[in-house]
Amino acid sequence: MATRNRLTHPKTISDLEVTDEEANQVIGSFFWLLEMAVAAMESSNEAVRNYTKEFSEIIHGIKVGDPNVIAEYRNALRSPEI
């Protein structure tokens, strides 16, 4: 952040100089952030896959008339949480 702040709000010409170490740190930070974004997307995708699978199982249970699924569905409809 210090490098970013110095570059975006320079006070002197020397504030615009970037060392190799600073450049490497910025590049490393970018790739770290990219990895975090990829991990978050993978986690989100997995959650959606799980939800979709469970929802499909419930729909299938309702379609075939599974009494347990229908009972759970009816209980869920009465639940104040919905």
N, C-alpha and C. Protein backbone atom coordinates (compact mmCIF):
# COMPACT_ATOMS: atom_id res chain seq x y z
N MET A 1 0.83 -1.19 0.00
CA MET A 1 0.00 0.00 0.00
C MET A 1 0.87 1.25 0.00
N ALA A 2 1.99 1.18 0.68
CA ALA A 2 2.86 2.35 0.74
C ALA A 2 3.36 2.72 -0.66
N THR A 3 3.71 1.70 -1.45
CA THR A 3 4.18 1.96 -2.82
C THR A 3 3.05 2.57 -3.64
N ARG A 4 1.88 2.00 -3.54
CA ARG A 4 0.73 2.53 -4.28
C ARG A 4 0.44 3.97 -3.89
N ASN A 5 0.42 4.24 -2.59
CA ASN A 5 0.13 5.60 -2.13
C ASN A 5 1.20 6.59 -2.60
N ARG A 6 2.44 6.16 -2.55
CA ARG A 6 3.53 7.04 -2.98
C ARG A 6 3.42 7.36 -4.47
N LEU A 7 3.05 6.35 -5.28
CA LEU A 7 2.95 6.55 -6.72
C LEU A 7 1.71 7.34 -7.14
N THR A 8 0.62 7.14 -6.43
CA THR A 8 -0.60 7.84 -6.81
C THR A 8 -0.68 9.26 -6.24
N HIS A 9 0.12 9.55 -5.22
CA HIS A 9 0.14 10.89 -4.62
C HIS A 9 1.60 11.33 -4.41
N PRO A 10 2.34 11.45 -5.51
CA PRO A 10 3.76 11.79 -5.36
C PRO A 10 3.95 13.21 -4.84
N LYS A 11 4.95 13.37 -4.00
CA LYS A 11 5.31 14.70 -3.48
C LYS A 11 6.55 15.23 -4.19
N THR A 12 7.41 14.30 -4.61
CA THR A 12 8.63 14.66 -5.33
C THR A 12 8.80 13.71 -6.51
N ILE A 13 9.71 14.04 -7.41
CA ILE A 13 10.01 13.19 -8.55
C ILE A 13 10.50 11.82 -8.08
N SER A 14 11.25 11.78 -7.02
CA SER A 14 11.79 10.50 -6.54
C SER A 14 10.67 9.57 -6.04
N ASP A 15 9.50 10.12 -5.71
CA ASP A 15 8.37 9.28 -5.31
C ASP A 15 7.87 8.39 -6.45
N LEU A 16 8.24 8.75 -7.68
CA LEU A 16 7.79 8.00 -8.85
C LEU A 16 8.75 6.87 -9.23
N GLU A 17 9.86 6.77 -8.51
CA GLU A 17 10.81 5.69 -8.78
C GLU A 17 10.34 4.41 -8.09
N VAL A 18 10.43 3.30 -8.82
CA VAL A 18 10.01 2.01 -8.30
C VAL A 18 11.22 1.07 -8.33
N THR A 19 11.53 0.51 -7.17
CA THR A 19 12.66 -0.43 -7.09
C THR A 19 12.22 -1.80 -7.61
N ASP A 20 13.20 -2.63 -7.92
CA ASP A 20 12.90 -4.01 -8.34
C ASP A 20 12.14 -4.74 -7.24
N GLU A 21 12.56 -4.51 -6.00
CA GLU A 21 11.89 -5.16 -4.86
C GLU A 21 10.42 -4.75 -4.79
N GLU A 22 10.13 -3.46 -4.96
CA GLU A 22 8.75 -2.99 -4.93
C GLU A 22 7.94 -3.58 -6.08
N ALA A 23 8.53 -3.62 -7.27
CA ALA A 23 7.84 -4.18 -8.43
C ALA A 23 7.52 -5.66 -8.19
N ASN A 24 8.49 -6.39 -7.65
CA ASN A 24 8.27 -7.81 -7.35
C ASN A 24 7.19 -8.00 -6.30
N GLN A 25 7.18 -7.11 -5.32
CA GLN A 25 6.17 -7.19 -4.26
C GLN A 25 4.77 -6.92 -4.83
N VAL A 26 4.66 -5.95 -5.72
CA VAL A 26 3.37 -5.63 -6.34
C VAL A 26 2.91 -6.80 -7.21
N ILE A 27 3.81 -7.36 -7.99
CA ILE A 27 3.47 -8.51 -8.84
C ILE A 27 3.03 -9.70 -7.98
N GLY A 28 3.78 -9.96 -6.92
CA GLY A 28 3.42 -11.04 -6.01
C GLY A 28 2.06 -10.82 -5.38
N SER A 29 1.78 -9.59 -4.99
CA SER A 29 0.49 -9.26 -4.39
C SER A 29 -0.64 -9.46 -5.39
N PHE A 30 -0.40 -9.08 -6.64
CA PHE A 30 -1.41 -9.27 -7.68
C PHE A 30 -1.74 -10.76 -7.84
N PHE A 31 -0.71 -11.59 -7.94
CA PHE A 31 -0.95 -13.02 -8.12
C PHE A 31 -1.60 -13.65 -6.88
N TRP A 32 -1.26 -13.15 -5.70
CA TRP A 32 -1.93 -13.63 -4.48
C TRP A 32 -3.42 -13.29 -4.55
N LEU A 33 -3.73 -12.06 -4.92
CA LEU A 33 -5.13 -11.63 -5.02
C LEU A 33 -5.86 -12.46 -6.08
N LEU A 34 -5.21 -12.72 -7.19
CA LEU A 34 -5.79 -13.54 -8.24
C LEU A 34 -6.08 -14.95 -7.73
N GLU A 35 -5.16 -15.54 -6.99
CA GLU A 35 -5.37 -16.87 -6.41
C GLU A 35 -6.56 -16.87 -5.44
N MET A 36 -6.69 -15.81 -4.65
CA MET A 36 -7.81 -15.70 -3.71
C MET A 36 -9.13 -15.60 -4.48
N ALA A 37 -9.15 -14.86 -5.57
CA ALA A 37 -10.36 -14.73 -6.38
C ALA A 37 -10.74 -16.08 -7.01
N VAL A 38 -9.74 -16.80 -7.50
CA VAL A 38 -10.00 -18.11 -8.10
C VAL A 38 -10.53 -19.07 -7.03
N ALA A 39 -9.92 -19.06 -5.85
CA ALA A 39 -10.37 -19.94 -4.76
C ALA A 39 -11.80 -19.60 -4.35
N ALA A 40 -12.12 -18.32 -4.28
CA ALA A 40 -13.48 -17.91 -3.91
C ALA A 40 -14.48 -18.36 -4.98
N MET A 41 -14.12 -18.24 -6.24
CA MET A 41 -15.02 -18.67 -7.31
C MET A 41 -15.20 -20.18 -7.30
N GLU A 42 -14.12 -20.92 -7.06
CA GLU A 42 -14.23 -22.38 -6.98
C GLU A 42 -15.15 -22.78 -5.83
N SER A 43 -15.02 -22.11 -4.71
CA SER A 43 -15.86 -22.40 -3.55
C SER A 43 -17.32 -22.08 -3.86
N SER A 44 -17.55 -20.96 -4.52
CA SER A 44 -18.92 -20.58 -4.90
C SER A 44 -19.51 -21.59 -5.87
N ASN A 45 -18.73 -21.99 -6.84
CA ASN A 45 -19.20 -22.98 -7.82
C ASN A 45 -19.55 -24.30 -7.15
N GLU A 46 -18.73 -24.73 -6.21
CA GLU A 46 -18.99 -25.97 -5.48
C GLU A 46 -20.29 -25.86 -4.68
N ALA A 47 -20.51 -24.72 -4.05
CA ALA A 47 -21.74 -24.52 -3.28
C ALA A 47 -22.96 -24.56 -4.20
N VAL A 48 -22.85 -23.95 -5.36
CA VAL A 48 -23.97 -23.97 -6.31
C VAL A 48 -24.21 -25.39 -6.81
N ARG A 49 -23.13 -26.13 -7.11
CA ARG A 49 -23.30 -27.52 -7.54
C ARG A 49 -24.01 -28.35 -6.48
N ASN A 50 -23.60 -28.20 -5.22
CA ASN A 50 -24.23 -28.94 -4.13
C ASN A 50 -25.70 -28.57 -3.97
N TYR A 51 -25.98 -27.28 -4.02
CA TYR A 51 -27.36 -26.81 -3.89
C TYR A 51 -28.21 -27.37 -5.03
N THR A 52 -27.69 -27.30 -6.25
CA THR A 52 -28.42 -27.78 -7.41
C THR A 52 -28.68 -29.28 -7.31
N LYS A 53 -27.69 -30.03 -6.85
CA LYS A 53 -27.87 -31.48 -6.69
C LYS A 53 -28.95 -31.77 -5.66
N GLU A 54 -28.89 -31.11 -4.51
CA GLU A 54 -29.89 -31.34 -3.47
C GLU A 54 -31.28 -30.92 -3.95
N PHE A 55 -31.36 -29.80 -4.64
CA PHE A 55 -32.64 -29.32 -5.13
C PHE A 55 -33.21 -30.29 -6.16
N SER A 56 -32.36 -30.82 -7.03
CA SER A 56 -32.80 -31.80 -8.03
C SER A 56 -33.33 -33.06 -7.36
N GLU A 57 -32.67 -33.49 -6.30
CA GLU A 57 -33.14 -34.67 -5.56
C GLU A 57 -34.51 -34.43 -4.93
N ILE A 58 -34.71 -33.23 -4.42
CA ILE A 58 -36.01 -32.89 -3.82
C ILE A 58 -37.09 -32.87 -4.89
N ILE A 59 -36.81 -32.22 -6.01
CA ILE A 59 -37.78 -32.16 -7.10
C ILE A 59 -38.12 -33.56 -7.59
N HIS A 60 -37.11 -34.40 -7.74
CA HIS A 60 -37.35 -35.78 -8.17
C HIS A 60 -38.23 -36.51 -7.15
N GLY A 61 -37.94 -36.34 -5.87
CA GLY A 61 -38.74 -36.97 -4.83
C GLY A 61 -40.19 -36.54 -4.87
N ILE A 62 -40.42 -35.26 -5.13
CA ILE A 62 -41.79 -34.76 -5.23
C ILE A 62 -42.48 -35.35 -6.46
N LYS A 63 -41.77 -35.38 -7.59
CA LYS A 63 -42.34 -35.91 -8.84
C LYS A 63 -42.76 -37.37 -8.70
N VAL A 64 -41.94 -38.18 -8.03
CA VAL A 64 -42.25 -39.61 -7.92
C VAL A 64 -43.15 -39.90 -6.72
N GLY A 65 -43.47 -38.87 -5.95
CA GLY A 65 -44.38 -39.05 -4.83
C GLY A 65 -43.77 -39.67 -3.60
N ASP A 66 -42.47 -39.47 -3.39
CA ASP A 66 -41.80 -40.00 -2.19
C ASP A 66 -42.45 -39.38 -0.95
N PRO A 67 -43.08 -40.20 -0.11
CA PRO A 67 -43.80 -39.65 1.04
C PRO A 67 -42.91 -38.88 2.02
N ASN A 68 -41.68 -39.32 2.19
CA ASN A 68 -40.76 -38.60 3.10
C ASN A 68 -40.42 -37.22 2.56
N VAL A 69 -40.14 -37.15 1.27
CA VAL A 69 -39.79 -35.86 0.65
C VAL A 69 -41.00 -34.93 0.70
N ILE A 70 -42.16 -35.46 0.38
CA ILE A 70 -43.36 -34.63 0.40
C ILE A 70 -43.65 -34.12 1.80
N ALA A 71 -43.48 -34.98 2.80
CA ALA A 71 -43.70 -34.55 4.19
C ALA A 71 -42.73 -33.44 4.57
N GLU A 72 -41.47 -33.60 4.20
CA GLU A 72 -40.46 -32.56 4.49
C GLU A 72 -40.80 -31.26 3.76
N TYR A 73 -41.25 -31.40 2.53
CA TYR A 73 -41.64 -30.23 1.74
C TYR A 73 -42.80 -29.49 2.40
N ARG A 74 -43.79 -30.24 2.83
CA ARG A 74 -44.94 -29.62 3.50
C ARG A 74 -44.54 -28.96 4.81
N ASN A 75 -43.64 -29.59 5.57
CA ASN A 75 -43.13 -28.99 6.80
C ASN A 75 -42.39 -27.68 6.50
N ALA A 76 -41.62 -27.70 5.44
CA ALA A 76 -40.87 -26.51 5.06
C ALA A 76 -41.82 -25.37 4.68
N LEU A 77 -42.91 -25.70 4.01
CA LEU A 77 -43.89 -24.67 3.64
C LEU A 77 -44.53 -24.02 4.87
N ARG A 78 -44.68 -24.78 5.94
CA ARG A 78 -45.28 -24.25 7.18
C ARG A 78 -44.26 -23.50 8.03
N SER A 79 -43.00 -23.65 7.71
CA SER A 79 -41.95 -23.04 8.52
C SER A 79 -41.96 -21.52 8.37
N PRO A 80 -41.88 -20.79 9.48
CA PRO A 80 -41.85 -19.33 9.40
C PRO A 80 -40.54 -18.78 8.83
N GLU A 81 -39.55 -19.63 8.66
CA GLU A 81 -38.24 -19.19 8.16
C GLU A 81 -38.26 -18.91 6.66
N ILE A 82 -39.26 -19.42 5.97
CA ILE A 82 -39.31 -19.25 4.51
C ILE A 82 -39.96 -17.94 4.16
